[in-house]
């Protein structure tokens, strides 16, 4: 049982360290003091959480520090857009 606890703790710490530099999802009210640097979009996610993850990954790839989801639509699959900020 202790082995499982240690394994779960190690995985959690690894996941945290991998996402430490990731772009942060922020609300529209938090964008006032940031510089808009572009827009990213994603299609084909099966859930809203999946869409958020795809948009976050694209924001990271673009070098953004933060992103704000501006639209989300669902017609069997979820798609949406986000503004990215530095």
C-alpha atoms as a PDB file:
ATOM      1  CA  UNK A   1       0.000   0.000   0.000  1.00  0.00           C
ATOM      2  CA  UNK A   2       2.870   2.395   0.795  1.00  0.00           C
ATOM      3  CA  UNK A   3       4.370   1.719  -2.619  1.00  0.00           C
ATOM      4  CA  UNK A   4       1.171   2.889  -4.308  1.00  0.00           C
ATOM      5  CA  UNK A   5       1.095   6.068  -2.206  1.00  0.00           C
ATOM      6  CA  UNK A   6       4.707   6.854  -3.125  1.00  0.00           C
ATOM      7  CA  UNK A   7       4.072   6.154  -6.795  1.00  0.00           C
ATOM      8  CA  UNK A   8       1.032   8.443  -6.850  1.00  0.00           C
ATOM      9  CA  UNK A   9       2.976  11.181  -5.050  1.00  0.00           C
ATOM     10  CA  UNK A  10       5.860  10.881  -7.523  1.00  0.00           C
ATOM     11  CA  UNK A  11       3.503  11.096 -10.490  1.00  0.00           C
ATOM     12  CA  UNK A  12       1.786  14.152  -9.019  1.00  0.00           C
ATOM     13  CA  UNK A  13       5.107  15.928  -8.467  1.00  0.00           C
ATOM     14  CA  UNK A  14       6.243  15.058 -11.979  1.00  0.00           C
ATOM     15  CA  UNK A  15       3.025  16.383 -13.496  1.00  0.00           C
ATOM     16  CA  UNK A  16       3.338  19.568 -11.454  1.00  0.00           C
ATOM     17  CA  UNK A  17       6.917  20.182 -12.540  1.00  0.00           C
ATOM     18  CA  UNK A  18       6.063  19.586 -16.199  1.00  0.00           C
ATOM     19  CA  UNK A  19       3.261  22.163 -16.120  1.00  0.00           C
ATOM     20  CA  UNK A  20       5.085  24.779 -14.034  1.00  0.00           C
ATOM     21  CA  UNK A  21       5.911  26.845 -17.134  1.00  0.00           C
ATOM     22  CA  UNK A  22       2.573  26.284 -18.820  1.00  0.00           C
ATOM     23  CA  UNK A  23       0.293  29.085 -19.966  1.00  0.00           C
ATOM     24  CA  UNK A  24      -2.330  29.898 -17.352  1.00  0.00           C
ATOM     25  CA  UNK A  25      -6.051  29.933 -18.120  1.00  0.00           C
ATOM     26  CA  UNK A  26      -7.409  33.307 -16.989  1.00  0.00           C
ATOM     27  CA  UNK A  27     -10.778  35.044 -17.026  1.00  0.00           C
ATOM     28  CA  UNK A  28     -11.585  38.105 -19.112  1.00  0.00           C
ATOM     29  CA  UNK A  29     -11.293  40.397 -16.065  1.00  0.00           C
ATOM     30  CA  UNK A  30      -7.652  39.326 -15.626  1.00  0.00           C
ATOM     31  CA  UNK A  31      -6.600  40.380 -19.137  1.00  0.00           C
ATOM     32  CA  UNK A  32      -6.529  44.152 -18.585  1.00  0.00           C
ATOM     33  CA  UNK A  33      -2.802  44.447 -17.792  1.00  0.00           C
ATOM     34  CA  UNK A  34      -1.590  41.874 -20.313  1.00  0.00           C
ATOM     35  CA  UNK A  35      -0.490  42.233 -23.938  1.00  0.00           C
ATOM     36  CA  UNK A  36      -2.556  40.347 -26.480  1.00  0.00           C
ATOM     37  CA  UNK A  37      -0.202  38.483 -28.819  1.00  0.00           C
ATOM     38  CA  UNK A  38      -2.578  36.371 -30.895  1.00  0.00           C
ATOM     39  CA  UNK A  39      -5.406  33.873 -31.115  1.00  0.00           C
ATOM     40  CA  UNK A  40      -5.384  30.075 -31.114  1.00  0.00           C
ATOM     41  CA  UNK A  41      -8.151  27.659 -32.068  1.00  0.00           C
ATOM     42  CA  UNK A  42      -8.819  23.952 -31.622  1.00  0.00           C
ATOM     43  CA  UNK A  43     -11.314  21.505 -33.086  1.00  0.00           C
ATOM     44  CA  UNK A  44     -12.414  17.947 -32.468  1.00  0.00           C
ATOM     45  CA  UNK A  45     -12.207  17.701 -28.679  1.00  0.00           C
ATOM     46  CA  UNK A  46     -14.669  15.315 -27.067  1.00  0.00           C
ATOM     47  CA  UNK A  47     -15.159  17.388 -23.873  1.00  0.00           C
ATOM     48  CA  UNK A  48     -14.794  20.964 -22.674  1.00  0.00           C
ATOM     49  CA  UNK A  49     -11.833  19.848 -20.565  1.00  0.00           C
ATOM     50  CA  UNK A  50     -10.248  18.400 -23.694  1.00  0.00           C
ATOM     51  CA  UNK A  51     -10.800  21.674 -25.537  1.00  0.00           C
ATOM     52  CA  UNK A  52      -9.205  23.587 -22.642  1.00  0.00           C
ATOM     53  CA  UNK A  53      -6.195  21.250 -22.749  1.00  0.00           C
ATOM     54  CA  UNK A  54      -5.795  21.644 -26.523  1.00  0.00           C
ATOM     55  CA  UNK A  55      -6.033  25.436 -26.343  1.00  0.00           C
ATOM     56  CA  UNK A  56      -3.566  25.468 -23.446  1.00  0.00           C
ATOM     57  CA  UNK A  57      -1.101  23.330 -25.394  1.00  0.00           C
ATOM     58  CA  UNK A  58      -1.346  25.659 -28.393  1.00  0.00           C
ATOM     59  CA  UNK A  59      -0.868  28.692 -26.132  1.00  0.00           C
ATOM     60  CA  UNK A  60       2.236  27.025 -24.665  1.00  0.00           C
ATOM     61  CA  UNK A  61       3.579  26.257 -28.129  1.00  0.00           C
ATOM     62  CA  UNK A  62       3.125  29.931 -29.066  1.00  0.00           C
ATOM     63  CA  UNK A  63       5.113  30.991 -25.989  1.00  0.00           C
ATOM     64  CA  UNK A  64       2.151  32.619 -24.231  1.00  0.00           C
ATOM     65  CA  UNK A  65       2.090  33.177 -20.470  1.00  0.00           C
ATOM     66  CA  UNK A  66      -1.712  33.169 -20.296  1.00  0.00           C
ATOM     67  CA  UNK A  67      -4.806  32.520 -22.400  1.00  0.00           C
ATOM     68  CA  UNK A  68      -8.490  33.332 -22.183  1.00  0.00           C
ATOM     69  CA  UNK A  69     -11.108  31.169 -23.905  1.00  0.00           C
ATOM     70  CA  UNK A  70     -13.360  33.394 -25.986  1.00  0.00           C
ATOM     71  CA  UNK A  71     -15.643  30.830 -27.623  1.00  0.00           C
ATOM     72  CA  UNK A  72     -16.661  27.189 -27.387  1.00  0.00           C
ATOM     73  CA  UNK A  73     -19.112  25.332 -29.609  1.00  0.00           C
ATOM     74  CA  UNK A  74     -20.327  21.754 -29.679  1.00  0.00           C
ATOM     75  CA  UNK A  75     -21.779  19.813 -32.593  1.00  0.00           C
ATOM     76  CA  UNK A  76     -20.831  16.220 -31.638  1.00  0.00           C
ATOM     77  CA  UNK A  77     -17.269  17.493 -31.086  1.00  0.00           C
ATOM     78  CA  UNK A  78     -16.134  20.586 -29.195  1.00  0.00           C
ATOM     79  CA  UNK A  79     -14.257  23.447 -30.846  1.00  0.00           C
ATOM     80  CA  UNK A  80     -13.288  26.908 -29.691  1.00  0.00           C
ATOM     81  CA  UNK A  81     -10.879  29.831 -29.684  1.00  0.00           C
ATOM     82  CA  UNK A  82      -8.707  31.613 -27.130  1.00  0.00           C
ATOM     83  CA  UNK A  83      -6.796  34.881 -27.026  1.00  0.00           C
ATOM     84  CA  UNK A  84      -3.194  34.446 -25.887  1.00  0.00           C
ATOM     85  CA  UNK A  85      -1.240  36.958 -23.785  1.00  0.00           C
ATOM     86  CA  UNK A  86       2.307  37.727 -22.673  1.00  0.00           C
END
